[in-house]
Amino acid sequence: MYLIGCDIGTQNTKSVLVDENGVVICEATREYEVNTPRPNWAEQWPDIWVKAAFETIKEVVEKSNVAKKEIAGVAVSGLYGGAGIPVDRDVKPLYPCLIWMDRRAVKETEWVKKNIPREEIFSITGNYVDSYFGFPKMMWIKNNVPEVWKKIYKFISPKDYVIYQITGRIVIDYSSAGNLGGVFDLKNLTWSKHMCEILGIPIEYLPEKIVKSSDVVGSVTKEASQYCGLLEGTPVVAGGIDAPVAQLSAGALNEGEHVAMVGTSTCWGTVHDGSKLAPQLVNYPYVVYDTERIYTFGGSATTGALARWFKEQFGESETAVAERMNTSPYQLFDKEVEKIAPGSDGIIVLPYFMGERSPIWDPFAKGVFFGLSLYHSRSHIYRALMEGGAYALRHNMEEGIKAGLKLNDECWIVGGVAKSNLWVKIFADVTGFKMRQVASLVEAPFGDAFLAGLGTGVIDRPEAIKNWVKYRESISPDKSNKQVYDKYYQIFRKLYENTADLMKSL
């Protein structure tokens, strides 16, 4: 039997088809853009996700030459879509989805901080408040587009909107519900009527049915089968938020195991029993053992996005050369950067190009290049961007350790950035943890395919993921490099603390 995993990402959607042993048969990707109509705004209409999901699923079905009747099921994961898509009773989108990257709900966040004690909201939801979360974004819609607010039937997350288009069913899984923040009761695993009333969010705006990520939630409809290439009646499994699904794709099930998903952004996380919640990080149910284990993660808003920004602004020649050489411009950048010493000869970058999520939770944070001189080259700047992403990862790891979370000495790493051996080495040297790349590098779609197997009975237990995953040799931190980075990391921390007020005044 064969299984399909589909992940709706921020800038692309990827689907993979695997066999029952986890061997990847083929994959397909579609790219798209994020709309940024104003500074710190980031939104998307859901039609791009639906089109990309249908096209990539259909492509892997056709490329694989697998008989459609041998495809046991499909699961879908997705980016954290903030508030989700507000839809009317006909499930038609009323307004763009304010995705995780969107930071417009500043006033709503401040209102919550002034009117709801931190202890109260944390004791119920396991999280605090920031414009990253979905519930302030809901409040922003209520306050700023009331004509939309009064027409809302439901808020639907990105991957659940795609599932609706495939099955005709509206559901939400525990990880997606928990990541909304202030309206989800983490202890009782349901919507908090108390918090909804305080926040002014009608509880009926939230999906009634909360399911496990491995639950079969419906099947491919006749109409959808024509677009996605699957047989009518093929089981569809709930999936979850992309970060914990990527965590699963690296084989993480147990306390101490931790994974860095490093793509456009970084989501570093670990799994535990919930007895220790990190106040400065994000906490919600994991995508296996959903009702028993908690996924705690820290997220830096821009990591791979830093490299993409550099390429688009300063890498025109490398992009042209790479196209002729049938390689990646990022590989060309890496070759240049290898010649630069750790610490970039005194340049430190604050990588807060879209505000920042954990652990500083600052929507006003800005990108900063510190220490530039006429000596420095473009390669110094690119390496400093890579190091800035690694400093942000270390900051999140330290918050987890401070909260008492156990972390093994080896961190598994997945995502597009993990293709850069140099960047992975920088992560190891900065954090002091061994870094081990997952061999397949397909991340969340691979975890989706596994969840599809669990839901349809092709796979009998979560522990089977250990047999699916293959790793490369681990990359150990260099002690002398670590000493250099320890010094620069302290400056990195002070640099933000000393400029935070100036950033806000901008």
Protein backbone atom coordinates (compact mmCIF):
# COMPACT_ATOMS: atom_id res chain seq x y z
CA MET A 1 0.00 0.00 0.00
CA TYR A 2 1.06 3.60 -0.64
CA LEU A 3 0.52 6.80 1.33
CA ILE A 4 0.48 10.50 0.44
CA GLY A 5 1.52 13.43 2.61
CA CYS A 6 0.80 17.03 1.65
CA ASP A 7 2.13 20.09 3.48
CA ILE A 8 0.73 23.58 2.89
CA GLY A 9 3.72 25.86 3.52
CA THR A 10 4.14 29.60 3.74
CA GLN A 11 5.81 29.90 0.34
CA ASN A 12 5.22 26.49 -1.22
CA THR A 13 3.17 23.33 -0.99
CA LYS A 14 4.84 19.94 -1.24
CA SER A 15 3.34 16.47 -1.61
CA VAL A 16 5.13 13.12 -1.39
CA LEU A 17 4.09 9.56 -2.11
CA VAL A 18 5.77 6.84 -0.04
CA ASP A 19 5.42 3.10 0.33
CA GLU A 20 4.44 1.41 3.58
CA ASN A 21 8.11 1.24 4.64
CA GLY A 22 8.60 4.98 4.30
CA VAL A 23 10.54 4.90 1.03
CA VAL A 24 9.85 8.11 -0.89
CA ILE A 25 8.69 7.23 -4.40
CA CYS A 26 8.23 10.77 -5.72
CA GLU A 27 7.48 14.33 -4.68
CA ALA A 28 6.08 17.52 -6.18
CA THR A 29 6.20 21.21 -5.22
CA ARG A 30 4.37 24.43 -6.12
CA GLU A 31 5.57 27.88 -5.06
CA TYR A 32 3.59 31.06 -4.37
CA GLU A 33 3.97 34.40 -2.63
CA VAL A 34 2.92 35.98 0.64
CA ASN A 35 0.99 39.24 0.30
CA THR A 36 2.53 42.04 2.41
CA PRO A 37 0.34 45.10 1.72
CA ARG A 38 1.83 47.02 4.66
CA PRO A 39 4.91 46.69 6.88
CA ASN A 40 4.50 43.74 9.28
CA TRP A 41 1.36 42.55 7.48
CA ALA A 42 1.36 39.07 5.92
CA GLU A 43 -1.74 37.50 4.42
CA GLN A 44 -2.83 34.91 1.86
CA TRP A 45 -6.05 33.93 0.15
CA PRO A 46 -6.71 30.19 0.43
CA ASP A 47 -7.23 29.50 -3.28
CA ILE A 48 -3.45 29.30 -3.79
CA TRP A 49 -3.23 26.52 -1.18
CA VAL A 50 -6.08 24.52 -2.68
CA LYS A 51 -4.68 24.79 -6.20
CA ALA A 52 -1.18 23.85 -5.06
CA ALA A 53 -2.42 20.91 -2.96
CA PHE A 54 -4.57 19.48 -5.75
CA GLU A 55 -1.82 19.91 -8.34
CA THR A 56 0.97 18.37 -6.25
CA ILE A 57 -1.15 15.42 -5.09
CA LYS A 58 -2.18 14.75 -8.68
CA GLU A 59 1.42 15.03 -9.86
CA VAL A 60 2.79 12.46 -7.40
CA VAL A 61 -0.05 10.09 -8.27
CA GLU A 62 0.72 10.36 -11.99
CA LYS A 63 4.53 10.36 -11.68
CA SER A 64 4.55 7.31 -9.43
CA ASN A 65 2.59 5.08 -11.84
CA VAL A 66 1.06 3.52 -8.73
CA ALA A 67 -2.43 2.07 -9.13
CA LYS A 68 -4.84 4.51 -7.48
CA LYS A 69 -6.57 1.69 -5.63
CA GLU A 70 -3.26 0.97 -3.87
CA ILE A 71 -3.15 4.46 -2.31
CA ALA A 72 -4.46 3.86 1.20
CA GLY A 73 -4.88 7.48 2.24
CA VAL A 74 -3.65 11.06 2.34
CA ALA A 75 -2.94 13.42 5.24
CA VAL A 76 -2.51 17.19 5.12
CA SER A 77 -0.47 19.51 7.33
CA GLY A 78 -0.08 23.25 7.07
CA LEU A 79 1.52 26.47 8.11
CA TYR A 80 0.18 28.13 11.20
CA GLY A 81 -2.49 30.30 9.68
CA GLY A 82 -2.96 32.65 12.62
CA ALA A 83 -6.67 33.27 12.92
CA GLY A 84 -7.43 31.00 9.99
CA ILE A 85 -9.68 31.91 7.09
CA PRO A 86 -12.94 33.58 8.09
CA VAL A 87 -15.68 31.98 5.97
CA ASP A 88 -19.43 32.47 5.61
CA ARG A 89 -22.09 29.76 5.82
CA ASP A 90 -21.31 28.70 2.26
CA VAL A 91 -17.66 28.31 3.35
CA LYS A 92 -16.65 31.17 1.08
CA PRO A 93 -13.64 33.22 2.26
CA LEU A 94 -14.62 36.64 3.59
CA TYR A 95 -11.13 38.01 4.17
CA PRO A 96 -7.52 36.89 3.62
CA CYS A 97 -5.92 34.60 6.16
CA LEU A 98 -3.68 36.56 8.54
CA ILE A 99 -0.84 34.06 8.72
CA TRP A 100 1.67 33.51 11.54
CA MET A 101 4.03 36.13 10.08
CA ASP A 102 1.42 38.90 10.34
CA ARG A 103 2.01 41.30 13.24
CA ARG A 104 -0.80 43.84 12.81
CA ALA A 105 -2.73 42.94 15.98
CA VAL A 106 -0.53 45.09 18.23
CA LYS A 107 -3.35 47.03 19.92
CA GLU A 108 -5.30 43.83 20.56
CA THR A 109 -2.22 42.24 22.11
CA GLU A 110 -1.72 45.23 24.39
CA TRP A 111 -5.41 45.13 25.41
CA VAL A 112 -5.03 41.51 26.51
CA LYS A 113 -1.87 42.31 28.49
CA LYS A 114 -3.64 45.15 30.32
CA ASN A 115 -6.94 43.37 30.98
CA ILE A 116 -6.16 39.68 31.51
CA PRO A 117 -3.61 38.57 34.12
CA ARG A 118 -0.77 36.55 32.63
CA GLU A 119 -1.29 33.81 35.22
CA GLU A 120 -4.94 33.41 34.23
CA ILE A 121 -4.41 33.01 30.51
CA PHE A 122 -1.30 30.82 30.98
CA SER A 123 -3.00 28.52 33.49
CA ILE A 124 -5.81 27.79 31.00
CA THR A 125 -4.04 27.80 27.64
CA GLY A 126 -0.40 27.05 28.43
CA ASN A 127 0.49 30.17 26.43
CA TYR A 128 0.52 33.93 26.87
CA VAL A 129 -0.29 36.55 24.24
CA ASP A 130 1.43 37.91 21.15
CA SER A 131 0.24 39.08 17.76
CA TYR A 132 1.67 35.80 16.42
CA PHE A 133 -1.24 33.85 17.93
CA GLY A 134 -4.59 33.47 16.24
CA PHE A 135 -6.86 35.00 18.86
CA PRO A 136 -5.48 38.59 18.70
CA LYS A 137 -5.79 38.39 14.91
CA MET A 138 -9.45 37.42 15.35
CA MET A 139 -9.88 40.43 17.61
CA TRP A 140 -8.21 42.64 14.98
CA ILE A 141 -10.76 41.54 12.37
CA LYS A 142 -13.56 42.27 14.83
CA ASN A 143 -12.19 45.75 15.57
CA ASN A 144 -11.16 46.77 12.06
CA VAL A 145 -13.47 45.05 9.56
CA PRO A 146 -16.78 44.70 11.46
CA GLU A 147 -18.68 44.13 8.20
CA VAL A 148 -16.66 40.91 7.81
CA TRP A 149 -16.97 39.93 11.47
CA LYS A 150 -20.76 39.85 11.46
CA LYS A 151 -20.82 37.51 8.44
CA ILE A 152 -18.41 34.91 9.85
CA TYR A 153 -19.58 31.34 10.19
CA LYS A 154 -16.24 29.73 11.09
CA PHE A 155 -12.51 30.36 11.22
CA ILE A 156 -10.80 27.50 9.37
CA SER A 157 -7.05 26.81 9.44
CA PRO A 158 -5.17 26.58 6.11
CA LYS A 159 -4.79 22.81 5.98
CA ASP A 160 -8.34 22.29 7.27
CA TYR A 161 -9.66 24.54 4.51
CA VAL A 162 -7.89 22.29 2.00
CA ILE A 163 -9.34 19.22 3.74
CA TYR A 164 -12.79 20.80 3.44
CA GLN A 165 -12.26 21.22 -0.31
CA ILE A 166 -11.28 17.54 -0.56
CA THR A 167 -13.92 16.03 1.75
CA GLY A 168 -16.67 18.59 2.40
CA ARG A 169 -16.03 18.24 6.17
CA ILE A 170 -15.01 21.02 8.60
CA VAL A 171 -12.73 19.80 11.42
CA ILE A 172 -9.64 20.92 13.31
CA ASP A 173 -6.95 18.81 14.97
CA TYR A 174 -5.60 19.33 18.49
CA SER A 175 -2.30 20.90 17.41
CA SER A 176 -4.04 23.46 15.20
CA ALA A 177 -6.57 24.25 17.93
CA GLY A 178 -3.87 24.63 20.57
CA ASN A 179 -1.80 26.93 18.39
CA LEU A 180 -4.64 29.47 18.26
CA GLY A 181 -3.58 30.30 21.80
CA GLY A 182 -5.97 32.10 24.16
CA VAL A 183 -9.20 30.28 23.27
CA PHE A 184 -7.98 26.68 23.77
CA ASP A 185 -8.02 24.93 27.16
CA LEU A 186 -4.81 22.88 27.16
CA LYS A 187 -5.76 20.78 30.20
CA ASN A 188 -9.26 19.85 29.07
CA LEU A 189 -8.39 19.80 25.33
CA THR A 190 -11.37 21.84 24.25
CA TRP A 191 -12.37 25.43 23.55
CA SER A 192 -12.42 27.63 26.65
CA LYS A 193 -15.85 29.21 27.01
CA HIS A 194 -14.45 31.44 29.75
CA MET A 195 -11.65 32.85 27.58
CA CYS A 196 -13.91 33.25 24.54
CA GLU A 197 -16.28 35.37 26.60
CA ILE A 198 -13.48 37.57 27.98
CA LEU A 199 -11.94 38.06 24.52
CA GLY A 200 -15.26 38.66 22.79
CA ILE A 201 -14.81 35.76 20.37
CA PRO A 202 -18.02 33.75 19.84
CA ILE A 203 -17.22 30.11 20.57
CA GLU A 204 -19.45 29.10 17.65
CA TYR A 205 -16.93 30.75 15.29
CA LEU A 206 -14.58 27.85 16.12
CA PRO A 207 -14.92 24.38 14.54
CA GLU A 208 -17.07 22.08 16.69
CA LYS A 209 -15.12 18.91 16.01
CA ILE A 210 -11.56 18.65 17.38
CA VAL A 211 -9.81 15.45 16.30
CA LYS A 212 -6.51 13.62 16.60
CA SER A 213 -3.97 14.18 13.83
CA SER A 214 -4.18 10.51 12.83
CA ASP A 215 -7.99 10.41 12.67
CA VAL A 216 -9.71 9.75 9.36
CA VAL A 217 -11.92 12.82 8.94
CA GLY A 218 -13.57 12.06 5.61
CA SER A 219 -12.92 10.81 2.11
CA VAL A 220 -12.21 12.27 -1.31
CA THR A 221 -15.41 13.50 -2.92
CA LYS A 222 -16.32 12.83 -6.52
CA GLU A 223 -15.69 16.46 -7.46
CA ALA A 224 -12.34 16.66 -5.66
CA SER A 225 -11.17 13.39 -7.24
CA GLN A 226 -11.24 15.06 -10.64
CA TYR A 227 -8.75 17.70 -9.46
CA CYS A 228 -6.43 15.78 -7.13
CA GLY A 229 -6.21 12.53 -9.09
CA LEU A 230 -7.22 10.25 -6.19
CA LEU A 231 -10.08 7.79 -6.31
CA GLU A 232 -13.38 8.93 -4.89
CA GLY A 233 -13.64 7.53 -1.37
CA THR A 234 -9.90 7.58 -0.60
CA PRO A 235 -9.54 8.21 3.16
CA VAL A 236 -8.34 11.65 4.27
CA VAL A 237 -6.48 11.98 7.59
CA ALA A 238 -6.47 15.17 9.71
CA GLY A 239 -2.74 15.95 9.89
CA GLY A 240 -1.58 18.92 11.95
CA ILE A 241 0.49 22.09 12.17
CA ASP A 242 3.62 21.75 10.01
CA ALA A 243 6.15 22.21 12.85
CA PRO A 244 5.12 19.19 15.00
CA VAL A 245 4.49 17.11 11.87
CA ALA A 246 8.06 17.93 10.78
CA GLN A 247 9.14 16.99 14.31
CA LEU A 248 7.48 13.61 13.77
CA SER A 249 9.17 13.27 10.37
CA ALA A 250 12.52 13.32 12.16
CA GLY A 251 11.41 10.46 14.42
CA ALA A 252 10.81 12.44 17.62
CA LEU A 253 8.43 10.74 20.04
CA ASN A 254 10.09 10.81 23.44
CA GLU A 255 11.23 13.24 26.11
CA GLY A 256 14.66 14.67 25.34
CA GLU A 257 14.37 14.30 21.59
CA HIS A 258 14.36 17.72 19.91
CA VAL A 259 14.18 18.89 16.33
CA ALA A 260 14.88 22.13 14.47
CA MET A 261 12.65 22.63 11.44
CA VAL A 262 14.51 25.33 9.56
CA GLY A 263 12.89 26.69 6.44
CA THR A 264 11.49 30.18 5.85
CA SER A 265 11.40 30.40 9.64
CA THR A 266 12.73 28.21 12.44
CA CYS A 267 10.53 26.04 14.62
CA TRP A 268 12.61 24.25 17.21
CA GLY A 269 10.71 21.94 19.52
CA THR A 270 10.64 19.01 21.88
CA VAL A 271 8.03 16.59 23.27
CA HIS A 272 7.18 15.99 26.93
CA ASP A 273 4.39 15.06 29.33
CA GLY A 274 3.26 18.64 29.97
CA SER A 275 4.44 18.90 33.56
CA LYS A 276 6.93 21.62 32.57
CA LEU A 277 5.65 24.36 30.27
CA ALA A 278 8.04 27.03 29.03
CA PRO A 279 6.33 30.42 29.55
CA GLN A 280 8.28 32.18 26.78
CA LEU A 281 7.71 29.41 24.22
CA VAL A 282 4.59 27.90 22.61
CA ASN A 283 2.87 24.83 24.05
CA TYR A 284 0.16 22.65 22.48
CA PRO A 285 -0.75 18.98 21.88
CA TYR A 286 1.63 16.83 19.84
CA VAL A 287 0.50 15.11 16.62
CA VAL A 288 0.81 11.57 18.02
CA TYR A 289 -0.28 10.68 21.54
CA ASP A 290 -2.30 13.87 21.04
CA THR A 291 -4.10 13.74 24.38
CA GLU A 292 -1.03 12.68 26.38
CA ARG A 293 1.99 14.61 25.16
CA ILE A 294 2.78 18.28 24.67
CA TYR A 295 4.87 19.82 21.93
CA THR A 296 6.81 22.87 23.11
CA PHE A 297 8.49 24.96 20.47
CA GLY A 298 10.29 28.22 19.92
CA GLY A 299 9.98 30.00 16.63
CA SER A 300 12.22 32.53 14.95
CA ALA A 301 10.28 34.39 12.26
CA THR A 302 13.03 34.63 9.64
CA THR A 303 15.80 32.13 8.93
CA GLY A 304 15.70 30.80 5.38
CA ALA A 305 13.86 34.03 4.57
CA LEU A 306 17.10 35.89 5.39
CA ALA A 307 18.97 33.91 2.72
CA ARG A 308 16.17 34.40 0.23
CA TRP A 309 16.11 38.16 0.91
CA PHE A 310 19.89 38.33 0.37
CA LYS A 311 19.63 36.35 -2.88
CA GLU A 312 16.85 38.55 -4.25
CA GLN A 313 18.53 41.83 -3.29
CA PHE A 314 22.22 41.07 -3.87
CA GLY A 315 22.51 37.74 -5.69
CA GLU A 316 21.48 38.45 -9.26
CA SER A 317 24.76 37.18 -10.74
CA GLU A 318 24.79 34.00 -8.59
CA THR A 319 21.20 33.29 -9.56
CA ALA A 320 22.08 33.56 -13.25
CA VAL A 321 25.23 31.44 -12.92
CA ALA A 322 23.44 28.81 -10.84
CA GLU A 323 20.76 28.47 -13.50
CA ARG A 324 23.39 27.81 -16.16
CA MET A 325 25.21 25.34 -13.92
CA ASN A 326 21.99 23.58 -12.85
CA THR A 327 22.75 24.22 -9.20
CA SER A 328 21.48 26.45 -6.40
CA PRO A 329 22.66 30.04 -5.86
CA TYR A 330 22.77 29.23 -2.15
CA GLN A 331 25.48 26.64 -2.81
CA LEU A 332 27.52 29.34 -4.51
CA PHE A 333 27.03 31.64 -1.52
CA ASP A 334 28.15 28.84 0.81
CA LYS A 335 31.44 28.40 -1.11
CA GLU A 336 32.19 32.10 -0.69
CA VAL A 337 31.24 32.11 2.98
CA GLU A 338 33.41 29.10 3.88
CA LYS A 339 36.43 31.42 3.62
CA ILE A 340 35.06 33.76 6.33
CA ALA A 341 36.05 33.10 9.95
CA PRO A 342 33.42 32.29 12.61
CA GLY A 343 32.01 35.55 13.92
CA SER A 344 32.18 37.19 10.49
CA ASP A 345 35.11 39.32 11.63
CA GLY A 346 32.98 41.29 14.03
CA ILE A 347 29.58 41.57 12.32
CA ILE A 348 26.50 40.61 14.32
CA VAL A 349 23.03 40.48 12.78
CA LEU A 350 19.76 40.68 14.68
CA PRO A 351 17.59 38.56 12.34
CA TYR A 352 14.31 40.24 13.24
CA PHE A 353 13.28 41.23 9.71
CA MET A 354 9.56 40.60 10.40
CA GLY A 355 9.40 41.31 14.10
CA GLU A 356 10.14 38.29 16.25
CA ARG A 357 8.30 35.45 17.87
CA SER A 358 9.81 33.56 20.80
CA PRO A 359 11.39 34.15 23.13
CA ILE A 360 11.33 37.96 22.87
CA TRP A 361 7.77 38.26 21.42
CA ASP A 362 8.39 41.67 19.93
CA PRO A 363 6.39 42.77 16.86
CA PHE A 364 8.48 45.96 16.70
CA ALA A 365 11.84 44.15 16.51
CA LYS A 366 13.88 45.04 13.43
CA GLY A 367 16.80 43.60 11.54
CA VAL A 368 20.14 45.10 12.59
CA PHE A 369 23.62 44.85 11.06
CA PHE A 370 26.13 45.74 13.78
CA GLY A 371 29.89 46.12 13.46
CA LEU A 372 30.25 46.86 9.76
CA SER A 373 33.46 48.41 8.45
CA LEU A 374 34.99 49.11 5.05
CA TYR A 375 36.98 45.90 5.49
CA HIS A 376 33.88 43.73 5.29
CA SER A 377 32.66 42.08 2.11
CA ARG A 378 29.33 40.79 0.89
CA SER A 379 30.38 37.30 2.06
CA HIS A 380 30.86 38.59 5.60
CA ILE A 381 27.29 39.90 5.55
CA TYR A 382 25.85 36.61 4.29
CA ARG A 383 27.69 34.61 6.94
CA ALA A 384 26.52 37.04 9.61
CA LEU A 385 22.93 36.45 8.49
CA MET A 386 23.48 32.69 8.89
CA GLU A 387 24.97 33.22 12.34
CA GLY A 388 22.09 35.49 13.34
CA GLY A 389 19.65 32.66 12.58
CA ALA A 390 21.77 30.34 14.74
CA TYR A 391 21.87 32.81 17.66
CA ALA A 392 18.06 32.97 17.55
CA LEU A 393 17.90 29.15 17.69
CA ARG A 394 20.22 29.09 20.71
CA HIS A 395 18.08 31.71 22.47
CA ASN A 396 14.99 29.49 22.13
CA MET A 397 16.87 26.39 23.28
CA GLU A 398 18.03 28.22 26.39
CA GLU A 399 14.44 29.12 27.27
CA GLY A 400 13.47 25.45 27.07
CA ILE A 401 16.36 24.48 29.33
CA LYS A 402 15.45 27.27 31.77
CA ALA A 403 11.93 25.82 32.04
CA GLY A 404 13.38 22.42 32.97
CA LEU A 405 12.88 20.62 29.67
CA LYS A 406 15.26 17.74 29.09
CA LEU A 407 17.26 17.96 25.84
CA ASN A 408 19.51 15.25 24.41
CA ASP A 409 22.96 16.36 23.28
CA GLU A 410 21.96 15.84 19.65
CA CYS A 411 19.40 17.94 17.79
CA TRP A 412 17.83 16.59 14.61
CA ILE A 413 17.43 19.12 11.81
CA VAL A 414 15.03 19.17 8.87
CA GLY A 415 13.92 21.75 6.30
CA GLY A 416 15.38 23.56 3.34
CA VAL A 417 18.16 25.20 5.34
CA ALA A 418 19.37 21.72 6.39
CA LYS A 419 20.58 21.25 2.81
CA SER A 420 23.42 23.66 3.64
CA ASN A 421 26.12 21.71 5.45
CA LEU A 422 27.83 24.98 6.31
CA TRP A 423 24.75 26.44 7.97
CA VAL A 424 24.17 23.20 9.89
CA LYS A 425 27.79 23.39 11.10
CA ILE A 426 27.19 26.98 12.24
CA PHE A 427 24.08 25.82 14.16
CA ALA A 428 26.20 23.19 15.92
CA ASP A 429 29.03 25.59 16.76
CA VAL A 430 26.70 28.31 18.04
CA THR A 431 24.38 26.11 20.13
CA GLY A 432 26.87 23.51 21.34
CA PHE A 433 24.53 20.68 20.30
CA LYS A 434 25.40 18.03 17.75
CA MET A 435 23.29 18.49 14.64
CA ARG A 436 22.06 15.49 12.66
CA GLN A 437 20.37 15.97 9.31
CA VAL A 438 17.50 13.72 8.32
CA ALA A 439 18.56 12.02 5.09
CA SER A 440 15.37 12.45 3.09
CA LEU A 441 14.88 16.20 3.85
CA VAL A 442 11.19 15.99 2.87
CA GLU A 443 10.17 16.91 6.44
CA ALA A 444 6.45 17.65 7.09
CA PRO A 445 4.98 15.81 4.03
CA PHE A 446 6.89 12.71 5.17
CA GLY A 447 5.31 13.02 8.62
CA ASP A 448 1.92 13.48 6.95
CA ALA A 449 2.36 10.27 5.00
CA PHE A 450 3.14 8.49 8.28
CA LEU A 451 -0.01 9.94 9.89
CA ALA A 452 -1.99 8.76 6.86
CA GLY A 453 -0.61 5.29 7.53
CA LEU A 454 -1.56 5.42 11.22
CA GLY A 455 -5.07 6.63 10.43
CA THR A 456 -5.77 3.99 7.79
CA GLY A 457 -4.20 1.10 9.71
CA VAL A 458 -1.35 0.55 7.26
CA ILE A 459 0.92 1.38 10.22
CA ASP A 460 0.01 -0.07 13.59
CA ARG A 461 1.88 2.15 16.08
CA PRO A 462 3.63 5.54 16.31
CA GLU A 463 6.97 3.90 17.21
CA ALA A 464 7.18 2.62 13.63
CA ILE A 465 8.40 6.10 12.59
CA LYS A 466 11.80 5.07 13.99
CA ASN A 467 12.04 2.49 11.20
CA TRP A 468 11.06 5.03 8.55
CA VAL A 469 13.65 7.69 9.34
CA LYS A 470 17.25 7.59 8.11
CA TYR A 471 19.90 10.02 9.34
CA ARG A 472 23.19 11.38 8.08
CA GLU A 473 26.32 11.48 10.22
CA SER A 474 25.98 13.97 13.04
CA ILE A 475 27.94 17.23 12.91
CA SER A 476 29.66 18.01 16.20
CA PRO A 477 30.37 21.51 17.48
CA ASP A 478 33.95 22.74 17.23
CA LYS A 479 35.11 23.80 20.71
CA SER A 480 37.25 26.72 19.51
CA ASN A 481 34.44 28.01 17.28
CA LYS A 482 32.01 27.63 20.18
CA GLN A 483 34.22 29.88 22.33
CA VAL A 484 34.15 32.56 19.64
CA TYR A 485 30.38 32.27 19.28
CA ASP A 486 29.81 32.35 23.05
CA LYS A 487 31.37 35.81 23.10
CA TYR A 488 29.38 37.06 20.12
CA TYR A 489 26.16 35.53 21.44
CA GLN A 490 26.38 37.64 24.59
CA ILE A 491 26.79 40.75 22.43
CA PHE A 492 23.83 39.54 20.32
CA ARG A 493 21.65 39.39 23.42
CA LYS A 494 22.77 42.80 24.71
CA LEU A 495 22.39 44.36 21.27
CA TYR A 496 18.69 43.58 21.22
CA GLU A 497 18.16 44.67 24.82
CA ASN A 498 19.91 47.99 24.15
CA THR A 499 18.04 48.75 20.91
CA ALA A 500 14.54 47.41 21.65
CA ASP A 501 13.17 50.83 22.62
CA LEU A 502 14.75 52.45 19.56
CA MET A 503 13.18 49.78 17.36
CA LYS A 504 9.77 50.54 18.79
CA SER A 505 10.25 54.27 18.24
CA LEU A 506 10.78 53.62 14.52
